[in-house]
């Protein structure tokens, strides 16, 4: 057995350890193309105890496109089986997302120019958006950056979108475009410190109301009927607030009022359908993206 093969087998034996995953990923990438070849050889010929770990490793280093058709079909079958009992996860949600009506969500794929969608469990989708950007080679040898997104199952009448294309929706024209395709589109963001919040509501191709913590003016559009008037704020003083301000500054609170707050989804939240993974360029698939996907 070569030194590289011994190194590879040692890495694969550690791959299930969460405390070692980042170092394992770094070491696997350092093995380069020869390491990918050896992983594919393990997938074909064993040893059997390492075949599953080799598949995990290929996904982890963004070599999923190297899988043969048999392995791809096996993964597709496993996803279909898992979808039968898919449920919400106790999983950290990204701090940025959009929500669209479940009845019209199909329009989001055209609005954000997403392709090659595949069915995805909650675990698969949420793990995928942790690694939502990949750099590939274009038809003329140029570098091309692609993103992927997870469109969730329906929760309480809404579907959410997480991942690479979502930051574009902070731009009013992009969110308005999504609403033109879906009837409505809501953008939500908060930072990790719960200090900076942003939300926006678009209907029929137009942003009608928005808020952003550090923008001037912080609010745009007229207050909506569900908003709490600024005069209800215990610190309210005449002349202290903008004319169209309200007390609605929390992205999560607005999401809970109008759509669904992803951080409060649990087993009691109505859920139907299944999620989708999609990418922002045709013919790319999920192979080039680094990071192992859960199922």
Protein backbone atom coordinates (compact mmCIF):
# COMPACT_ATOMS: atom_id res chain seq x y z
CA UNK A 1 0.00 0.00 0.00
CA UNK A 2 1.41 3.41 -0.97
CA UNK A 3 2.04 6.15 1.60
CA UNK A 4 -0.75 8.23 0.02
CA UNK A 5 -3.21 5.35 0.30
CA UNK A 6 -2.36 4.91 3.96
CA UNK A 7 -2.82 8.64 4.50
CA UNK A 8 -6.13 8.56 2.66
CA UNK A 9 -7.46 5.62 4.66
CA UNK A 10 -6.44 7.36 7.87
CA UNK A 11 -8.34 10.49 6.81
CA UNK A 12 -11.43 8.49 5.88
CA UNK A 13 -11.45 6.81 9.26
CA UNK A 14 -11.77 10.28 10.85
CA UNK A 15 -14.36 11.70 8.48
CA UNK A 16 -17.36 11.01 10.71
CA UNK A 17 -15.81 12.92 13.62
CA UNK A 18 -17.38 16.38 13.74
CA UNK A 19 -14.44 17.76 15.71
CA UNK A 20 -12.04 16.78 12.89
CA UNK A 21 -14.08 17.67 9.80
CA UNK A 22 -12.32 20.93 8.89
CA UNK A 23 -8.82 19.47 9.17
CA UNK A 24 -9.89 16.36 7.23
CA UNK A 25 -11.30 18.52 4.44
CA UNK A 26 -8.07 20.54 4.26
CA UNK A 27 -5.92 17.40 4.15
CA UNK A 28 -8.11 15.76 1.49
CA UNK A 29 -7.83 18.80 -0.75
CA UNK A 30 -4.06 18.77 -0.33
CA UNK A 31 -3.95 15.29 -1.93
CA UNK A 32 -5.08 16.87 -5.21
CA UNK A 33 -6.28 15.01 -8.30
CA UNK A 34 -4.48 11.83 -7.29
CA UNK A 35 -6.49 11.79 -4.08
CA UNK A 36 -9.73 12.09 -6.08
CA UNK A 37 -8.65 9.12 -8.23
CA UNK A 38 -7.92 7.04 -5.15
CA UNK A 39 -11.29 7.93 -3.63
CA UNK A 40 -13.05 6.85 -6.82
CA UNK A 41 -11.08 3.60 -6.73
CA UNK A 42 -12.31 2.96 -3.19
CA UNK A 43 -15.87 3.60 -4.36
CA UNK A 44 -15.42 0.98 -7.09
CA UNK A 45 -13.37 -1.70 -5.35
CA UNK A 46 -13.38 -1.04 -1.62
CA UNK A 47 -12.42 -1.84 1.04
CA UNK A 48 -16.12 -1.98 1.84
CA UNK A 49 -15.74 -0.32 5.23
CA UNK A 50 -14.47 2.85 3.54
CA UNK A 51 -16.80 3.09 0.52
CA UNK A 52 -19.39 5.24 2.29
CA UNK A 53 -16.68 7.50 3.71
CA UNK A 54 -15.13 7.86 0.24
CA UNK A 55 -18.45 9.12 -1.13
CA UNK A 56 -18.64 11.59 1.75
CA UNK A 57 -15.09 12.76 1.02
CA UNK A 58 -15.75 13.28 -2.70
CA UNK A 59 -18.67 15.54 -1.84
CA UNK A 60 -16.64 17.33 0.82
CA UNK A 61 -13.93 18.43 -1.63
CA UNK A 62 -16.30 19.34 -4.46
CA UNK A 63 -15.64 16.32 -6.66
CA UNK A 64 -19.23 15.12 -6.87
CA UNK A 65 -19.21 15.44 -10.65
CA UNK A 66 -16.64 12.63 -10.75
CA UNK A 67 -19.16 10.10 -9.44
CA UNK A 68 -20.28 7.44 -11.89
CA UNK A 69 -23.89 7.03 -12.90
CA UNK A 70 -24.40 4.13 -10.49
CA UNK A 71 -23.39 6.22 -7.46
CA UNK A 72 -25.53 9.12 -8.63
CA UNK A 73 -28.57 6.89 -9.01
CA UNK A 74 -27.95 5.45 -5.55
CA UNK A 75 -27.90 8.95 -4.07
CA UNK A 76 -31.09 9.90 -5.91
CA UNK A 77 -32.87 6.80 -4.59
CA UNK A 78 -31.74 7.57 -1.05
CA UNK A 79 -33.05 11.15 -1.28
CA UNK A 80 -36.43 9.94 -2.58
CA UNK A 81 -36.71 7.50 0.34
CA UNK A 82 -35.76 10.16 2.90
CA UNK A 83 -38.29 12.61 1.44
CA UNK A 84 -41.14 10.31 2.48
CA UNK A 85 -40.54 11.16 6.14
CA UNK A 86 -38.88 14.55 5.85
CA UNK A 87 -39.51 16.96 8.71
CA UNK A 88 -38.20 20.34 9.93
CA UNK A 89 -34.80 20.32 11.56
CA UNK A 90 -33.34 21.70 14.72
CA UNK A 91 -30.78 23.41 12.49
CA UNK A 92 -29.14 26.82 12.48
CA UNK A 93 -30.84 28.92 9.79
CA UNK A 94 -28.99 31.47 7.65
CA UNK A 95 -29.72 35.05 8.67
CA UNK A 96 -30.90 36.04 5.18
CA UNK A 97 -33.79 34.62 3.19
CA UNK A 98 -36.77 35.42 1.01
CA UNK A 99 -40.30 34.08 1.31
CA UNK A 100 -42.79 33.60 -1.53
CA UNK A 101 -46.34 32.20 -1.57
CA UNK A 102 -46.35 28.42 -1.86
CA UNK A 103 -49.04 28.55 -4.54
CA UNK A 104 -46.81 30.53 -6.91
CA UNK A 105 -43.30 29.54 -5.80
CA UNK A 106 -42.40 27.99 -9.17
CA UNK A 107 -41.84 31.51 -10.48
CA UNK A 108 -38.82 31.99 -8.23
CA UNK A 109 -36.69 29.69 -10.42
CA UNK A 110 -37.22 31.93 -13.45
CA UNK A 111 -37.02 35.18 -11.49
CA UNK A 112 -33.62 34.31 -9.99
CA UNK A 113 -32.43 32.35 -13.06
CA UNK A 114 -31.91 29.06 -11.26
CA UNK A 115 -31.41 25.77 -13.12
CA UNK A 116 -30.96 22.02 -12.76
CA UNK A 117 -33.18 21.70 -9.72
CA UNK A 118 -33.29 18.42 -7.84
CA UNK A 119 -35.51 17.25 -4.95
CA UNK A 120 -33.90 17.89 -1.57
CA UNK A 121 -34.59 16.94 2.01
CA UNK A 122 -34.39 19.62 4.67
CA UNK A 123 -31.04 18.23 5.83
CA UNK A 124 -29.64 18.21 2.30
CA UNK A 125 -30.84 21.73 1.53
CA UNK A 126 -29.68 23.35 4.74
CA UNK A 127 -26.26 21.70 4.57
CA UNK A 128 -25.94 22.75 0.91
CA UNK A 129 -26.38 26.46 1.63
CA UNK A 130 -23.45 26.34 4.05
CA UNK A 131 -21.33 25.97 0.89
CA UNK A 132 -23.35 27.91 -1.66
CA UNK A 133 -20.58 29.24 -3.93
CA UNK A 134 -18.25 27.47 -6.35
CA UNK A 135 -15.78 28.62 -8.98
CA UNK A 136 -15.85 26.60 -12.19
CA UNK A 137 -14.25 26.85 -15.61
CA UNK A 138 -16.34 28.35 -18.41
CA UNK A 139 -16.48 27.15 -22.03
CA UNK A 140 -13.46 29.26 -23.00
CA UNK A 141 -11.35 28.49 -19.93
CA UNK A 142 -12.47 31.50 -17.93
CA UNK A 143 -13.30 31.32 -14.23
CA UNK A 144 -17.02 31.37 -13.54
CA UNK A 145 -18.64 31.82 -10.12
CA UNK A 146 -21.89 29.94 -9.57
CA UNK A 147 -24.24 29.79 -6.61
CA UNK A 148 -26.85 27.37 -5.37
CA UNK A 149 -30.04 27.87 -3.42
CA UNK A 150 -32.39 25.79 -1.34
CA UNK A 151 -36.12 26.30 -1.84
CA UNK A 152 -37.81 24.83 1.23
CA UNK A 153 -40.96 22.73 1.40
CA UNK A 154 -44.17 24.64 2.08
CA UNK A 155 -44.49 25.89 5.65
CA UNK A 156 -47.82 27.42 6.65
CA UNK A 157 -48.51 28.49 3.06
CA UNK A 158 -45.04 29.91 2.26
CA UNK A 159 -41.78 28.69 0.83
CA UNK A 160 -38.45 30.19 1.78
CA UNK A 161 -35.30 30.49 -0.30
CA UNK A 162 -31.83 30.34 1.27
CA UNK A 163 -28.41 30.51 -0.35
CA UNK A 164 -26.26 32.28 -2.92
CA UNK A 165 -28.87 34.12 -5.05
CA UNK A 166 -30.68 35.61 -2.03
CA UNK A 167 -28.32 38.57 -1.27
CA UNK A 168 -29.25 39.98 -4.69
CA UNK A 169 -32.80 40.35 -3.37
CA UNK A 170 -31.60 43.12 -1.05
CA UNK A 171 -31.75 45.21 -4.22
CA UNK A 172 -35.27 46.51 -4.75
CA UNK A 173 -35.32 45.77 -8.47
CA UNK A 174 -34.43 42.10 -7.89
CA UNK A 175 -37.04 41.62 -5.15
CA UNK A 176 -39.58 43.40 -7.32
CA UNK A 177 -38.77 41.01 -10.16
CA UNK A 178 -39.39 38.00 -7.91
CA UNK A 179 -42.74 39.46 -6.85
CA UNK A 180 -43.68 39.96 -10.49
CA UNK A 181 -43.26 36.21 -11.02
CA UNK A 182 -44.70 35.06 -7.67
CA UNK A 183 -47.24 37.77 -6.83
CA UNK A 184 -45.46 38.54 -3.55
CA UNK A 185 -41.86 38.37 -2.32
CA UNK A 186 -40.51 39.22 1.14
CA UNK A 187 -36.85 39.81 1.95
CA UNK A 188 -35.50 39.31 5.48
CA UNK A 189 -32.07 39.83 7.02
CA UNK A 190 -30.51 40.17 10.46
CA UNK A 191 -26.87 40.05 11.40
CA UNK A 192 -25.38 37.53 13.79
CA UNK A 193 -25.39 40.09 16.63
CA UNK A 194 -29.11 40.81 16.22
CA UNK A 195 -28.19 44.46 15.75
CA UNK A 196 -28.69 45.13 12.03
CA UNK A 197 -32.10 44.21 10.59
CA UNK A 198 -33.61 44.62 7.15
CA UNK A 199 -36.96 43.61 5.65
CA UNK A 200 -38.84 44.46 2.49
CA UNK A 201 -42.21 43.56 1.00
CA UNK A 202 -42.83 43.50 -2.74
CA UNK A 203 -46.11 42.88 -4.53
CA UNK A 204 -46.86 42.57 -8.24
CA UNK A 205 -43.49 43.90 -9.36
CA UNK A 206 -43.10 46.76 -6.87
CA UNK A 207 -41.54 47.14 -3.41
CA UNK A 208 -44.25 48.72 -1.27
CA UNK A 209 -42.60 48.85 2.17
CA UNK A 210 -39.11 48.32 3.56
CA UNK A 211 -36.92 48.91 6.60
CA UNK A 212 -33.16 48.87 7.14
CA UNK A 213 -31.53 49.70 10.48
CA UNK A 214 -28.66 51.92 9.34
CA UNK A 215 -30.22 53.41 6.23
CA UNK A 216 -31.47 56.97 5.98
CA UNK A 217 -34.39 57.05 5.82
CA UNK A 218 -34.74 53.70 7.59
CA UNK A 219 -38.31 53.15 6.33
CA UNK A 220 -39.63 53.48 2.79
CA UNK A 221 -43.27 53.34 1.73
CA UNK A 222 -46.33 53.93 3.88
CA UNK A 223 -46.96 52.02 7.13
CA UNK A 224 -49.15 48.96 6.63
CA UNK A 225 -52.24 48.05 8.70
CA UNK A 226 -50.44 45.35 10.70
CA UNK A 227 -47.65 47.67 11.86
CA UNK A 228 -47.58 49.05 15.39
CA UNK A 229 -47.69 52.88 15.29
CA UNK A 230 -44.58 54.64 16.50
CA UNK A 231 -46.69 56.47 19.09
CA UNK A 232 -47.06 53.12 20.92
CA UNK A 233 -43.32 53.08 21.59
CA UNK A 234 -42.70 53.83 25.28
CA UNK A 235 -39.82 56.11 24.25
CA UNK A 236 -41.79 58.00 21.63
CA UNK A 237 -41.41 61.77 21.56
CA UNK A 238 -42.91 64.14 18.97
CA UNK A 239 -40.38 64.86 16.23
CA UNK A 240 -38.08 62.00 17.25
CA UNK A 241 -39.00 59.57 14.47
CA UNK A 242 -39.33 59.68 10.72
CA UNK A 243 -42.85 60.47 9.48
CA UNK A 244 -43.43 56.95 8.08
CA UNK A 245 -41.68 55.04 10.89
CA UNK A 246 -43.28 52.30 12.97
CA UNK A 247 -42.21 49.95 15.75
CA UNK A 248 -41.57 47.10 13.29
CA UNK A 249 -37.78 46.85 13.21
CA UNK A 250 -37.17 43.12 13.76
CA UNK A 251 -36.91 41.03 10.59
CA UNK A 252 -37.88 37.88 12.48
CA UNK A 253 -40.94 39.50 14.08
CA UNK A 254 -42.15 40.78 10.71
CA UNK A 255 -41.57 37.35 9.17
CA UNK A 256 -43.58 35.72 11.97
CA UNK A 257 -46.43 38.20 11.42
CA UNK A 258 -46.60 37.98 7.63
CA UNK A 259 -45.08 34.68 6.55
CA UNK A 260 -43.14 32.29 8.79
CA UNK A 261 -40.06 32.81 10.95
CA UNK A 262 -37.63 29.99 10.01
CA UNK A 263 -36.11 30.06 13.49
CA UNK A 264 -39.48 29.12 15.01
CA UNK A 265 -40.38 26.26 12.66
CA UNK A 266 -40.94 23.07 14.61
CA UNK A 267 -42.86 19.81 14.42
CA UNK A 268 -46.14 21.69 14.87
CA UNK A 269 -45.62 23.97 11.85
CA UNK A 270 -47.76 22.81 8.89
CA UNK A 271 -45.43 21.40 6.21
CA UNK A 272 -46.13 19.91 2.80
CA UNK A 273 -44.32 19.12 -0.44
CA UNK A 274 -40.55 18.82 -0.61
CA UNK A 275 -37.62 21.14 -1.07
CA UNK A 276 -35.44 21.79 -4.11
CA UNK A 277 -31.78 22.53 -4.75
CA UNK A 278 -30.99 24.65 -7.79
CA UNK A 279 -27.95 26.44 -9.22
CA UNK A 280 -27.43 29.75 -11.02
CA UNK A 281 -25.93 28.35 -14.21
CA UNK A 282 -27.23 25.53 -16.44
CA UNK A 283 -25.33 22.28 -16.74
CA UNK A 284 -23.30 22.77 -13.54
CA UNK A 285 -25.13 20.60 -11.04
CA UNK A 286 -24.02 20.28 -7.43
CA UNK A 287 -20.74 18.49 -8.06
CA UNK A 288 -18.35 21.51 -8.01
CA UNK A 289 -19.55 22.80 -4.64
CA UNK A 290 -17.36 21.91 -1.64
CA UNK A 291 -18.70 20.50 1.58
CA UNK A 292 -20.41 17.21 2.31
CA UNK A 293 -24.18 17.18 2.00
CA UNK A 294 -26.35 15.56 4.64
CA UNK A 295 -29.45 13.64 3.53
